[in-house]
Amino acid sequence: MATQRIVVGYDGSCDARKAARWALDEAERIDATVELLYAYEWPSYVPAAAMMPAAAVYPDTDTDDAVGEMLARAIEAAAVTHPGVRLRTRVEHGTAAVALAQRSAEAALVVVGGPRHSAVRALLGSTSASVGTHARCPVVVVRGEPRDTDPVVAGVDDSPSAGLVLGFAFEQAAVRGVGVRAVHGWPVPAGRDLLSDADLCAVATERRRLQAVVDCWRRRFPGVPVSTEILVGAPGEVLAGAAAGAQLVVAGARVRRVLRLALRPSVGRHLLQRARCSIALVHAAR
């Protein structure tokens, strides 16, 4: 990673503490600095709510003191569990998603906590989904309690980010001493017979493409065991299924710039809804 700084979205919650532990472990492995970022948005009042009490003067001293104490406790805990890791804190006034996306420009990695989301929450949006879309570095959404021996799963497609996804997966597998499972989802065209000669030929072509891109990274990481699979089905469904039994699933993140694109399904959003393990979203701009 070019810039050795890991930014963690931190609010003191159970999910945030889990994300911080993941980031501290990663920083210990790669000798990076961890930045705990707390962002809070002061409540605003619309004219229709003029009868409601006015907001206190911002910033509120008591709130700032409470935030400072929370971050101080996090630093004290990290000094005990990860004494060799450099740690800093940062407070932003604004939404967490915007603050994390902005800090991603100077980070090697952004880490956020993420419980499994319902379809409604995924449709309306969440911090993890928003940061995963707009960040300028890889984003890891920490969830689950994986075993240290579980592999890293990489979702490989035909996009320009495929090599970056595999590179990130191999890096993570190498420092953890586990293998990589490279998976490619191949949806069968509607009305086609999977056993037809044309489809069997198409699967063979996809397998050669997958093997070629995997071989490039296999040579760079000869000590990392790797397997390749072509699984029939929509990429998001296939990858979410393959994530079962993994400690991390890595996928390409598709940047959306207009609302109509944001409403289309994506592999990353599908993983945020379905995967039980931690998720890494890697951008093509990495």
C-alpha atoms as a PDB file:
ATOM      1  CA  MET A   1       0.000   0.000   0.000  1.00  0.00           C
ATOM      2  CA  ALA A   2       1.401   3.340  -1.056  1.00  0.00           C
ATOM      3  CA  THR A   3       0.188   5.483   1.855  1.00  0.00           C
ATOM      4  CA  GLN A   4       0.457   3.673   5.156  1.00  0.00           C
ATOM      5  CA  ARG A   5      -2.589   5.137   6.887  1.00  0.00           C
ATOM      6  CA  ILE A   6      -5.731   3.246   7.792  1.00  0.00           C
ATOM      7  CA  VAL A   7      -8.766   5.412   8.535  1.00  0.00           C
ATOM      8  CA  VAL A   8     -11.452   3.903  10.758  1.00  0.00           C
ATOM      9  CA  GLY A   9     -14.970   5.225  11.135  1.00  0.00           C
ATOM     10  CA  TYR A  10     -15.310   5.201  14.907  1.00  0.00           C
ATOM     11  CA  ASP A  11     -18.252   6.087  17.137  1.00  0.00           C
ATOM     12  CA  GLY A  12     -17.615   3.838  20.121  1.00  0.00           C
ATOM     13  CA  SER A  13     -20.285   1.285  19.147  1.00  0.00           C
ATOM     14  CA  CYS A  14     -19.714  -2.479  19.150  1.00  0.00           C
ATOM     15  CA  ASP A  15     -19.407  -2.502  15.343  1.00  0.00           C
ATOM     16  CA  ALA A  16     -16.926   0.387  15.438  1.00  0.00           C
ATOM     17  CA  ARG A  17     -14.798  -1.344  18.069  1.00  0.00           C
ATOM     18  CA  LYS A  18     -14.727  -4.461  15.915  1.00  0.00           C
ATOM     19  CA  ALA A  19     -13.645  -2.353  12.927  1.00  0.00           C
ATOM     20  CA  ALA A  20     -10.924  -0.727  15.020  1.00  0.00           C
ATOM     21  CA  ARG A  21      -9.573  -4.122  16.097  1.00  0.00           C
ATOM     22  CA  TRP A  22      -9.478  -5.258  12.471  1.00  0.00           C
ATOM     23  CA  ALA A  23      -7.635  -2.071  11.468  1.00  0.00           C
ATOM     24  CA  LEU A  24      -5.166  -2.380  14.352  1.00  0.00           C
ATOM     25  CA  ASP A  25      -4.387  -5.975  13.388  1.00  0.00           C
ATOM     26  CA  GLU A  26      -3.855  -4.887   9.790  1.00  0.00           C
ATOM     27  CA  ALA A  27      -1.675  -1.938  10.820  1.00  0.00           C
ATOM     28  CA  GLU A  28       0.446  -4.239  12.952  1.00  0.00           C
ATOM     29  CA  ARG A  29       1.014  -6.505   9.950  1.00  0.00           C
ATOM     30  CA  ILE A  30       1.900  -3.763   7.455  1.00  0.00           C
ATOM     31  CA  ASP A  31       3.399  -1.123   9.810  1.00  0.00           C
ATOM     32  CA  ALA A  32       0.710   1.500   9.196  1.00  0.00           C
ATOM     33  CA  THR A  33      -0.768   4.329  11.243  1.00  0.00           C
ATOM     34  CA  VAL A  34      -4.389   4.022  12.344  1.00  0.00           C
ATOM     35  CA  GLU A  35      -6.613   7.097  12.413  1.00  0.00           C
ATOM     36  CA  LEU A  36      -9.846   6.859  14.391  1.00  0.00           C
ATOM     37  CA  LEU A  37     -12.251   9.307  12.794  1.00  0.00           C
ATOM     38  CA  TYR A  38     -15.359  10.443  14.626  1.00  0.00           C
ATOM     39  CA  ALA A  39     -17.895  12.492  12.675  1.00  0.00           C
ATOM     40  CA  TYR A  40     -21.064  13.961  14.075  1.00  0.00           C
ATOM     41  CA  GLU A  41     -23.711  16.065  12.430  1.00  0.00           C
ATOM     42  CA  TRP A  42     -25.440  18.660  14.556  1.00  0.00           C
ATOM     43  CA  PRO A  43     -29.244  18.370  14.261  1.00  0.00           C
ATOM     44  CA  SER A  44     -30.859  20.999  12.081  1.00  0.00           C
ATOM     45  CA  TYR A  45     -34.406  22.292  12.254  1.00  0.00           C
ATOM     46  CA  VAL A  46     -36.646  23.037   9.314  1.00  0.00           C
ATOM     47  CA  PRO A  47     -39.005  26.049   9.292  1.00  0.00           C
ATOM     48  CA  ALA A  48     -42.008  23.752   9.781  1.00  0.00           C
ATOM     49  CA  ALA A  49     -40.568  22.802  13.160  1.00  0.00           C
ATOM     50  CA  ALA A  50     -40.292  26.418  14.350  1.00  0.00           C
ATOM     51  CA  MET A  51     -42.201  25.564  17.502  1.00  0.00           C
ATOM     52  CA  MET A  52     -39.479  23.101  18.553  1.00  0.00           C
ATOM     53  CA  PRO A  53     -36.712  24.247  20.933  1.00  0.00           C
ATOM     54  CA  ALA A  54     -33.752  25.800  19.206  1.00  0.00           C
ATOM     55  CA  ALA A  55     -30.547  23.757  18.915  1.00  0.00           C
ATOM     56  CA  ALA A  56     -27.773  24.519  21.354  1.00  0.00           C
ATOM     57  CA  VAL A  57     -24.822  26.545  20.178  1.00  0.00           C
ATOM     58  CA  TYR A  58     -22.505  24.373  18.107  1.00  0.00           C
ATOM     59  CA  PRO A  59     -20.068  22.942  18.942  1.00  0.00           C
ATOM     60  CA  ASP A  60     -21.485  21.918  22.274  1.00  0.00           C
ATOM     61  CA  THR A  61     -18.767  21.695  24.942  1.00  0.00           C
ATOM     62  CA  ASP A  62     -20.285  18.730  26.777  1.00  0.00           C
ATOM     63  CA  THR A  63     -20.637  16.780  23.542  1.00  0.00           C
ATOM     64  CA  ASP A  64     -17.065  17.551  22.515  1.00  0.00           C
ATOM     65  CA  ASP A  65     -15.817  16.463  25.945  1.00  0.00           C
ATOM     66  CA  ALA A  66     -17.739  13.188  25.719  1.00  0.00           C
ATOM     67  CA  VAL A  67     -16.341  12.496  22.253  1.00  0.00           C
ATOM     68  CA  GLY A  68     -12.831  13.278  23.447  1.00  0.00           C
ATOM     69  CA  GLU A  69     -13.194  10.892  26.395  1.00  0.00           C
ATOM     70  CA  MET A  70     -14.513   8.136  24.131  1.00  0.00           C
ATOM     71  CA  LEU A  71     -11.559   8.486  21.769  1.00  0.00           C
ATOM     72  CA  ALA A  72      -9.140   8.610  24.696  1.00  0.00           C
ATOM     73  CA  ARG A  73     -10.526   5.313  25.975  1.00  0.00           C
ATOM     74  CA  ALA A  74     -10.060   3.797  22.526  1.00  0.00           C
ATOM     75  CA  ILE A  75      -6.427   4.922  22.470  1.00  0.00           C
ATOM     76  CA  GLU A  76      -5.807   3.491  25.930  1.00  0.00           C
ATOM     77  CA  ALA A  77      -7.311   0.144  24.942  1.00  0.00           C
ATOM     78  CA  ALA A  78      -5.264   0.025  21.730  1.00  0.00           C
ATOM     79  CA  ALA A  79      -2.070   0.765  23.651  1.00  0.00           C
ATOM     80  CA  VAL A  80      -2.681  -2.422  25.632  1.00  0.00           C
ATOM     81  CA  THR A  81      -3.680  -4.738  22.770  1.00  0.00           C
ATOM     82  CA  HIS A  82      -1.470  -3.244  20.006  1.00  0.00           C
ATOM     83  CA  PRO A  83       1.358  -1.350  21.742  1.00  0.00           C
ATOM     84  CA  GLY A  84       3.461  -1.053  18.606  1.00  0.00           C
ATOM     85  CA  VAL A  85       0.812   0.546  16.395  1.00  0.00           C
ATOM     86  CA  ARG A  86       0.849   4.313  15.822  1.00  0.00           C
ATOM     87  CA  LEU A  87      -2.582   5.734  16.573  1.00  0.00           C
ATOM     88  CA  ARG A  88      -4.183   9.137  16.095  1.00  0.00           C
ATOM     89  CA  THR A  89      -7.688  10.542  16.341  1.00  0.00           C
ATOM     90  CA  ARG A  90      -9.640  13.036  14.280  1.00  0.00           C
ATOM     91  CA  VAL A  91     -13.024  14.708  14.772  1.00  0.00           C
ATOM     92  CA  GLU A  92     -15.044  15.990  11.807  1.00  0.00           C
ATOM     93  CA  HIS A  93     -18.233  18.035  11.883  1.00  0.00           C
ATOM     94  CA  GLY A  94     -20.456  16.457   9.265  1.00  0.00           C
ATOM     95  CA  THR A  95     -21.788  13.102   8.146  1.00  0.00           C
ATOM     96  CA  ALA A  96     -19.580  10.061   8.608  1.00  0.00           C
ATOM     97  CA  ALA A  97     -19.939   8.978   4.978  1.00  0.00           C
ATOM     98  CA  VAL A  98     -18.727  12.332   3.622  1.00  0.00           C
ATOM     99  CA  ALA A  99     -15.901  12.631   6.140  1.00  0.00           C
ATOM    100  CA  LEU A 100     -14.635   9.109   5.432  1.00  0.00           C
ATOM    101  CA  ALA A 101     -14.854   9.581   1.674  1.00  0.00           C
ATOM    102  CA  GLN A 102     -12.813  12.775   1.957  1.00  0.00           C
ATOM    103  CA  ARG A 103     -10.177  11.167   4.188  1.00  0.00           C
ATOM    104  CA  SER A 104      -9.902   8.245   1.764  1.00  0.00           C
ATOM    105  CA  ALA A 105      -7.949  10.501  -0.622  1.00  0.00           C
ATOM    106  CA  GLU A 106      -4.988  10.331   1.785  1.00  0.00           C
ATOM    107  CA  ALA A 107      -5.490   6.777   3.066  1.00  0.00           C
ATOM    108  CA  ALA A 108      -4.386   3.319   2.068  1.00  0.00           C
ATOM    109  CA  LEU A 109      -7.541   1.813   3.490  1.00  0.00           C
ATOM    110  CA  VAL A 110     -10.850   2.880   5.041  1.00  0.00           C
ATOM    111  CA  VAL A 111     -12.405   0.517   7.586  1.00  0.00           C
ATOM    112  CA  VAL A 112     -15.974   0.674   8.884  1.00  0.00           C
ATOM    113  CA  GLY A 113     -18.111  -1.617  11.003  1.00  0.00           C
ATOM    114  CA  GLY A 114     -21.054  -3.168   9.266  1.00  0.00           C
ATOM    115  CA  PRO A 115     -23.842  -5.388  10.591  1.00  0.00           C
ATOM    116  CA  ARG A 116     -25.877  -7.250   8.025  1.00  0.00           C
ATOM    117  CA  HIS A 117     -28.307  -4.854   6.371  1.00  0.00           C
ATOM    118  CA  SER A 118     -31.932  -5.432   5.510  1.00  0.00           C
ATOM    119  CA  ALA A 119     -33.096  -4.825   1.962  1.00  0.00           C
ATOM    120  CA  VAL A 120     -34.855  -1.654   3.103  1.00  0.00           C
ATOM    121  CA  ARG A 121     -31.713  -0.197   4.703  1.00  0.00           C
ATOM    122  CA  ALA A 122     -29.689  -1.149   1.643  1.00  0.00           C
ATOM    123  CA  LEU A 123     -32.182   0.623  -0.610  1.00  0.00           C
ATOM    124  CA  LEU A 124     -32.180   3.756   1.510  1.00  0.00           C
ATOM    125  CA  GLY A 125     -28.422   3.717   1.856  1.00  0.00           C
ATOM    126  CA  SER A 126     -25.927   3.320   4.696  1.00  0.00           C
ATOM    127  CA  THR A 127     -22.519   4.645   5.674  1.00  0.00           C
ATOM    128  CA  SER A 128     -20.756   1.521   4.436  1.00  0.00           C
ATOM    129  CA  ALA A 129     -22.571   1.553   1.096  1.00  0.00           C
ATOM    130  CA  SER A 130     -21.954   5.260   0.577  1.00  0.00           C
ATOM    131  CA  VAL A 131     -18.267   5.092   1.504  1.00  0.00           C
ATOM    132  CA  GLY A 132     -17.818   1.995  -0.644  1.00  0.00           C
ATOM    133  CA  THR A 133     -19.202   3.910  -3.608  1.00  0.00           C
ATOM    134  CA  HIS A 134     -17.315   7.191  -3.212  1.00  0.00           C
ATOM    135  CA  ALA A 135     -14.026   6.342  -1.481  1.00  0.00           C
ATOM    136  CA  ARG A 136     -10.765   6.730  -3.384  1.00  0.00           C
ATOM    137  CA  CYS A 137      -9.091   3.754  -1.731  1.00  0.00           C
ATOM    138  CA  PRO A 138     -10.185   0.226  -0.807  1.00  0.00           C
ATOM    139  CA  VAL A 139     -12.921   0.036   1.818  1.00  0.00           C
ATOM    140  CA  VAL A 140     -13.268  -2.829   4.281  1.00  0.00           C
ATOM    141  CA  VAL A 141     -16.614  -3.439   5.981  1.00  0.00           C
ATOM    142  CA  VAL A 142     -15.941  -5.555   9.075  1.00  0.00           C
ATOM    143  CA  ARG A 143     -18.496  -8.100  10.205  1.00  0.00           C
ATOM    144  CA  GLY A 144     -18.712 -11.671  11.438  1.00  0.00           C
ATOM    145  CA  GLU A 145     -16.328 -13.761  13.527  1.00  0.00           C
ATOM    146  CA  PRO A 146     -14.193 -15.671  11.011  1.00  0.00           C
ATOM    147  CA  ARG A 147     -11.620 -18.314  11.795  1.00  0.00           C
ATOM    148  CA  ASP A 148      -7.964 -17.467  11.191  1.00  0.00           C
ATOM    149  CA  THR A 149      -7.706 -20.418   8.781  1.00  0.00           C
ATOM    150  CA  ASP A 150     -10.583 -19.307   6.544  1.00  0.00           C
ATOM    151  CA  PRO A 151      -9.521 -18.286   3.007  1.00  0.00           C
ATOM    152  CA  VAL A 152      -9.842 -14.953   1.217  1.00  0.00           C
ATOM    153  CA  VAL A 153     -12.418 -15.041  -1.588  1.00  0.00           C
ATOM    154  CA  ALA A 154     -11.916 -12.819  -4.639  1.00  0.00           C
ATOM    155  CA  GLY A 155     -14.706 -12.031  -7.074  1.00  0.00           C
ATOM    156  CA  VAL A 156     -13.107 -11.828 -10.531  1.00  0.00           C
ATOM    157  CA  ASP A 157     -14.993 -10.418 -13.515  1.00  0.00           C
ATOM    158  CA  ASP A 158     -14.063  -8.923 -16.885  1.00  0.00           C
ATOM    159  CA  SER A 159     -13.774  -5.348 -15.607  1.00  0.00           C
ATOM    160  CA  PRO A 160     -10.549  -3.296 -15.367  1.00  0.00           C
ATOM    161  CA  SER A 161     -10.610  -3.727 -11.586  1.00  0.00           C
ATOM    162  CA  ALA A 162     -10.237  -7.531 -11.750  1.00  0.00           C
ATOM    163  CA  GLY A 163      -6.461  -7.439 -11.411  1.00  0.00           C
ATOM    164  CA  LEU A 164      -6.683  -4.984  -8.502  1.00  0.00           C
ATOM    165  CA  VAL A 165      -9.215  -7.187  -6.736  1.00  0.00           C
ATOM    166  CA  LEU A 166      -6.920 -10.179  -7.042  1.00  0.00           C
ATOM    167  CA  GLY A 167      -3.910  -8.136  -5.970  1.00  0.00           C
ATOM    168  CA  PHE A 168      -5.678  -6.987  -2.816  1.00  0.00           C
ATOM    169  CA  ALA A 169      -6.883 -10.535  -2.109  1.00  0.00           C
ATOM    170  CA  PHE A 170      -3.382 -11.987  -2.517  1.00  0.00           C
ATOM    171  CA  GLU A 171      -1.891  -9.290  -0.268  1.00  0.00           C
ATOM    172  CA  GLN A 172      -4.435 -10.028   2.450  1.00  0.00           C
ATOM    173  CA  ALA A 173      -4.008 -13.793   2.125  1.00  0.00           C
ATOM    174  CA  ALA A 174      -0.209 -13.531   2.227  1.00  0.00           C
ATOM    175  CA  VAL A 175      -0.082 -11.609   5.524  1.00  0.00           C
ATOM    176  CA  ARG A 176      -2.636 -13.978   7.057  1.00  0.00           C
ATOM    177  CA  GLY A 177      -1.007 -17.180   5.839  1.00  0.00           C
ATOM    178  CA  VAL A 178      -4.153 -18.457   4.098  1.00  0.00           C
ATOM    179  CA  GLY A 179      -5.189 -19.247   0.541  1.00  0.00           C
ATOM    180  CA  VAL A 180      -7.130 -17.347  -2.125  1.00  0.00           C
ATOM    181  CA  ARG A 181     -10.300 -18.660  -3.716  1.00  0.00           C
ATOM    182  CA  ALA A 182     -10.820 -16.844  -7.032  1.00  0.00           C
ATOM    183  CA  VAL A 183     -14.445 -17.020  -8.151  1.00  0.00           C
ATOM    184  CA  HIS A 184     -16.055 -15.926 -11.405  1.00  0.00           C
ATOM    185  CA  GLY A 185     -19.843 -15.836 -11.715  1.00  0.00           C
ATOM    186  CA  TRP A 186     -21.168 -16.753 -15.164  1.00  0.00           C
ATOM    187  CA  PRO A 187     -24.876 -16.087 -15.708  1.00  0.00           C
ATOM    188  CA  VAL A 188     -26.500 -18.364 -18.260  1.00  0.00           C
ATOM    189  CA  PRO A 189     -28.241 -16.335 -21.012  1.00  0.00           C
ATOM    190  CA  ALA A 190     -32.024 -16.513 -20.739  1.00  0.00           C
ATOM    191  CA  GLY A 191     -33.571 -19.360 -22.704  1.00  0.00           C
ATOM    192  CA  ARG A 192     -30.238 -21.150 -23.198  1.00  0.00           C
ATOM    193  CA  ASP A 193     -29.350 -24.728 -22.287  1.00  0.00           C
ATOM    194  CA  LEU A 194     -26.321 -24.874 -19.996  1.00  0.00           C
ATOM    195  CA  LEU A 195     -25.197 -28.121 -21.639  1.00  0.00           C
ATOM    196  CA  SER A 196     -25.221 -26.762 -25.183  1.00  0.00           C
ATOM    197  CA  ASP A 197     -21.955 -26.790 -27.113  1.00  0.00           C
ATOM    198  CA  ALA A 198     -21.944 -22.986 -27.310  1.00  0.00           C
ATOM    199  CA  ASP A 199     -22.282 -22.617 -23.540  1.00  0.00           C
ATOM    200  CA  LEU A 200     -19.679 -25.254 -22.776  1.00  0.00           C
ATOM    201  CA  CYS A 201     -17.294 -23.427 -25.097  1.00  0.00           C
ATOM    202  CA  ALA A 202     -18.114 -20.107 -23.398  1.00  0.00           C
ATOM    203  CA  VAL A 203     -17.405 -21.582 -19.955  1.00  0.00           C
ATOM    204  CA  ALA A 204     -14.068 -22.939 -21.185  1.00  0.00           C
ATOM    205  CA  THR A 205     -13.173 -19.471 -22.500  1.00  0.00           C
ATOM    206  CA  GLU A 206     -14.095 -17.851 -19.207  1.00  0.00           C
ATOM    207  CA  ARG A 207     -12.004 -20.424 -17.343  1.00  0.00           C
ATOM    208  CA  ARG A 208      -8.938 -19.628 -19.471  1.00  0.00           C
ATOM    209  CA  ARG A 209      -9.388 -15.897 -18.883  1.00  0.00           C
ATOM    210  CA  LEU A 210      -9.722 -16.405 -15.140  1.00  0.00           C
ATOM    211  CA  GLN A 211      -6.679 -18.653 -15.026  1.00  0.00           C
ATOM    212  CA  ALA A 212      -4.600 -16.145 -16.990  1.00  0.00           C
ATOM    213  CA  VAL A 213      -5.275 -13.222 -14.642  1.00  0.00           C
ATOM    214  CA  VAL A 214      -4.819 -15.425 -11.556  1.00  0.00           C
ATOM    215  CA  ASP A 215      -1.482 -16.736 -12.858  1.00  0.00           C
ATOM    216  CA  CYS A 216      -0.095 -13.185 -12.961  1.00  0.00           C
ATOM    217  CA  TRP A 217      -0.624 -12.830  -9.207  1.00  0.00           C
ATOM    218  CA  ARG A 218       0.323 -16.427  -8.452  1.00  0.00           C
ATOM    219  CA  ARG A 219       3.805 -15.664  -9.737  1.00  0.00           C
ATOM    220  CA  ARG A 220       4.064 -12.617  -7.442  1.00  0.00           C
ATOM    221  CA  PHE A 221       2.853 -14.591  -4.420  1.00  0.00           C
ATOM    222  CA  PRO A 222       4.188 -18.122  -4.956  1.00  0.00           C
ATOM    223  CA  GLY A 223       3.633 -19.027  -1.310  1.00  0.00           C
ATOM    224  CA  VAL A 224      -0.128 -18.349  -1.400  1.00  0.00           C
ATOM    225  CA  PRO A 225      -2.311 -21.359  -2.298  1.00  0.00           C
ATOM    226  CA  VAL A 226      -4.969 -20.437  -4.850  1.00  0.00           C
ATOM    227  CA  SER A 227      -7.951 -22.142  -6.437  1.00  0.00           C
ATOM    228  CA  THR A 228     -10.104 -20.935  -9.330  1.00  0.00           C
ATOM    229  CA  GLU A 229     -13.787 -21.600  -9.912  1.00  0.00           C
ATOM    230  CA  ILE A 230     -16.369 -20.768 -12.557  1.00  0.00           C
ATOM    231  CA  LEU A 231     -19.765 -20.823 -10.868  1.00  0.00           C
ATOM    232  CA  VAL A 232     -22.998 -20.552 -12.804  1.00  0.00           C
ATOM    233  CA  GLY A 233     -25.202 -17.695 -11.660  1.00  0.00           C
ATOM    234  CA  ALA A 234     -25.399 -13.938 -11.278  1.00  0.00           C
ATOM    235  CA  PRO A 235     -22.043 -12.561 -10.002  1.00  0.00           C
ATOM    236  CA  GLY A 236     -23.532 -11.031  -6.864  1.00  0.00           C
ATOM    237  CA  GLU A 237     -25.398 -14.196  -5.908  1.00  0.00           C
ATOM    238  CA  VAL A 238     -22.400 -16.399  -6.669  1.00  0.00           C
ATOM    239  CA  LEU A 239     -19.980 -14.280  -4.653  1.00  0.00           C
ATOM    240  CA  ALA A 240     -22.314 -13.960  -1.674  1.00  0.00           C
ATOM    241  CA  GLY A 241     -22.635 -17.744  -1.623  1.00  0.00           C
ATOM    242  CA  ALA A 242     -18.875 -18.230  -1.947  1.00  0.00           C
ATOM    243  CA  ALA A 243     -18.313 -15.854   0.981  1.00  0.00           C
ATOM    244  CA  ALA A 244     -19.696 -18.476   3.363  1.00  0.00           C
ATOM    245  CA  GLY A 245     -16.693 -19.893   5.176  1.00  0.00           C
ATOM    246  CA  ALA A 246     -14.384 -17.018   4.150  1.00  0.00           C
ATOM    247  CA  GLN A 247     -12.750 -14.501   6.471  1.00  0.00           C
ATOM    248  CA  LEU A 248     -12.784 -11.801   3.786  1.00  0.00           C
ATOM    249  CA  VAL A 249     -14.444 -11.432   0.398  1.00  0.00           C
ATOM    250  CA  VAL A 250     -12.939  -8.953  -2.073  1.00  0.00           C
ATOM    251  CA  ALA A 251     -14.883  -7.404  -4.949  1.00  0.00           C
ATOM    252  CA  GLY A 252     -14.582  -4.501  -7.333  1.00  0.00           C
ATOM    253  CA  ALA A 253     -16.473  -1.348  -6.419  1.00  0.00           C
ATOM    254  CA  ARG A 254     -18.409   0.396  -9.161  1.00  0.00           C
ATOM    255  CA  VAL A 255     -18.439   4.162  -8.815  1.00  0.00           C
ATOM    256  CA  ARG A 256     -21.862   5.696  -9.436  1.00  0.00           C
ATOM    257  CA  ARG A 257     -22.195   9.305 -10.447  1.00  0.00           C
ATOM    258  CA  VAL A 258     -25.912   9.662 -11.143  1.00  0.00           C
ATOM    259  CA  LEU A 259     -29.036   8.465  -9.370  1.00  0.00           C
ATOM    260  CA  ARG A 260     -30.178   6.095 -12.092  1.00  0.00           C
ATOM    261  CA  LEU A 261     -26.890   4.205 -11.817  1.00  0.00           C
ATOM    262  CA  ALA A 262     -27.114   4.186  -8.040  1.00  0.00           C
ATOM    263  CA  LEU A 263     -30.425   2.373  -8.269  1.00  0.00           C
ATOM    264  CA  ARG A 264     -28.984  -0.457 -10.366  1.00  0.00           C
ATOM    265  CA  PRO A 265     -27.871  -3.590  -8.513  1.00  0.00           C
ATOM    266  CA  SER A 266     -24.146  -4.157  -8.037  1.00  0.00           C
ATOM    267  CA  VAL A 267     -21.975  -6.930  -6.673  1.00  0.00           C
ATOM    268  CA  GLY A 268     -20.787  -4.691  -3.822  1.00  0.00           C
ATOM    269  CA  ARG A 269     -24.299  -3.761  -2.738  1.00  0.00           C
ATOM    270  CA  HIS A 270     -25.354  -7.391  -2.987  1.00  0.00           C
ATOM    271  CA  LEU A 271     -22.499  -8.404  -0.699  1.00  0.00           C
ATOM    272  CA  LEU A 272     -23.415  -5.695   1.813  1.00  0.00           C
ATOM    273  CA  GLN A 273     -26.896  -7.201   1.975  1.00  0.00           C
ATOM    274  CA  ARG A 274     -25.958 -10.876   2.009  1.00  0.00           C
ATOM    275  CA  ALA A 275     -22.377 -11.664   3.031  1.00  0.00           C
ATOM    276  CA  ARG A 276     -21.766 -12.645   6.656  1.00  0.00           C
ATOM    277  CA  CYS A 277     -18.009 -12.106   6.578  1.00  0.00           C
ATOM    278  CA  SER A 278     -15.949  -8.936   6.166  1.00  0.00           C
ATOM    279  CA  ILE A 279     -16.066  -7.302   2.733  1.00  0.00           C
ATOM    280  CA  ALA A 280     -13.377  -5.388   0.856  1.00  0.00           C
ATOM    281  CA  LEU A 281     -14.454  -3.119  -2.007  1.00  0.00           C
ATOM    282  CA  VAL A 282     -11.615  -2.168  -4.357  1.00  0.00           C
ATOM    283  CA  HIS A 283     -11.899   0.689  -6.841  1.00  0.00           C
ATOM    284  CA  ALA A 284     -10.434   0.687 -10.319  1.00  0.00           C
ATOM    285  CA  ALA A 285      -8.770   4.038  -9.493  1.00  0.00           C
ATOM    286  CA  ARG A 286      -6.639   2.379  -6.820  1.00  0.00           C
END
